[in-house]
Amino acid sequence: MRFTINYESLYKFYKIINSKALSERIYMSQSLFAQLYKKHQKNFPSQAKRILKGVQQVGRELAEIRFLL
């Protein structure tokens, strides 16, 4: 499945995603990340790609988790 979503909707729909932790994980300053999220700064394709890759990596890691029962 594939769909398009903006940052604001991403965090509303997936409340479990912590923007501070994600910004640290993708080596982006929290202030820049917040400005992009709040649309105070223009989002360049390289920044969007970096955020997308970070979100996708977290998703892959979560999908691979196996619990010992």
Protein backbone atom coordinates (compact mmCIF):
# COMPACT_ATOMS: atom_id res chain seq x y z
CA MET A 1 0.00 0.00 0.00
CA ARG A 2 1.24 3.49 -0.79
CA PHE A 3 -0.18 6.88 0.15
CA THR A 4 0.89 10.50 0.44
CA ILE A 5 0.71 12.47 3.68
CA ASN A 6 2.02 15.80 4.97
CA TYR A 7 4.05 16.20 8.19
CA GLU A 8 1.19 17.59 10.23
CA SER A 9 -1.12 14.73 9.27
CA LEU A 10 1.65 12.20 9.90
CA TYR A 11 1.97 13.27 13.53
CA LYS A 12 -1.78 13.54 14.04
CA PHE A 13 -2.43 10.08 12.60
CA TYR A 14 0.64 8.39 14.10
CA LYS A 15 0.79 10.00 17.52
CA ILE A 16 3.40 7.48 18.60
CA ILE A 17 6.03 9.18 16.41
CA ASN A 18 8.04 11.59 18.52
CA SER A 19 9.33 14.50 16.43
CA LYS A 20 12.24 15.20 18.80
CA ALA A 21 13.43 11.59 18.68
CA LEU A 22 13.01 11.44 14.89
CA SER A 23 14.94 14.68 14.37
CA GLU A 24 17.79 13.31 16.48
CA ARG A 25 17.73 10.02 14.61
CA ILE A 26 18.06 11.70 11.20
CA TYR A 27 20.67 14.19 12.47
CA MET A 28 18.49 17.26 11.89
CA SER A 29 18.29 20.04 14.44
CA GLN A 30 15.06 20.00 16.37
CA SER A 31 14.44 23.68 15.59
CA LEU A 32 14.74 23.10 11.82
CA PHE A 33 12.53 20.05 12.05
CA ALA A 34 9.91 22.05 13.98
CA GLN A 35 10.06 24.90 11.43
CA LEU A 36 9.49 22.46 8.57
CA TYR A 37 6.63 20.83 10.46
CA LYS A 38 4.97 24.17 11.19
CA LYS A 39 5.66 25.37 7.62
CA HIS A 40 7.69 28.36 8.81
CA GLN A 41 10.48 27.33 6.48
CA LYS A 42 10.40 26.00 2.94
CA ASN A 43 10.91 22.26 2.78
CA PHE A 44 13.63 21.36 0.31
CA PRO A 45 13.53 17.97 -1.43
CA SER A 46 16.71 16.84 0.36
CA GLN A 47 15.15 17.58 3.76
CA ALA A 48 11.90 15.84 2.86
CA LYS A 49 13.85 12.81 1.63
CA ARG A 50 15.83 12.69 4.87
CA ILE A 51 12.66 12.76 6.97
CA LEU A 52 10.95 10.18 4.78
CA LYS A 53 13.92 7.82 4.97
CA GLY A 54 13.97 8.18 8.75
CA VAL A 55 10.26 7.38 9.07
CA GLN A 56 10.58 4.43 6.68
CA GLN A 57 13.59 3.04 8.58
CA VAL A 58 11.69 3.18 11.87
CA GLY A 59 8.76 1.42 10.17
CA ARG A 60 11.02 -1.38 8.88
CA GLU A 61 12.57 -1.84 12.30
CA LEU A 62 9.17 -2.02 13.97
CA ALA A 63 7.94 -4.53 11.37
CA GLU A 64 10.92 -6.79 12.11
CA ILE A 65 10.38 -6.93 15.88
CA ARG A 66 9.68 -10.39 17.26
CA PHE A 67 8.69 -10.95 20.86
CA LEU A 68 9.84 -13.90 22.88
CA LEU A 69 6.74 -15.67 24.19
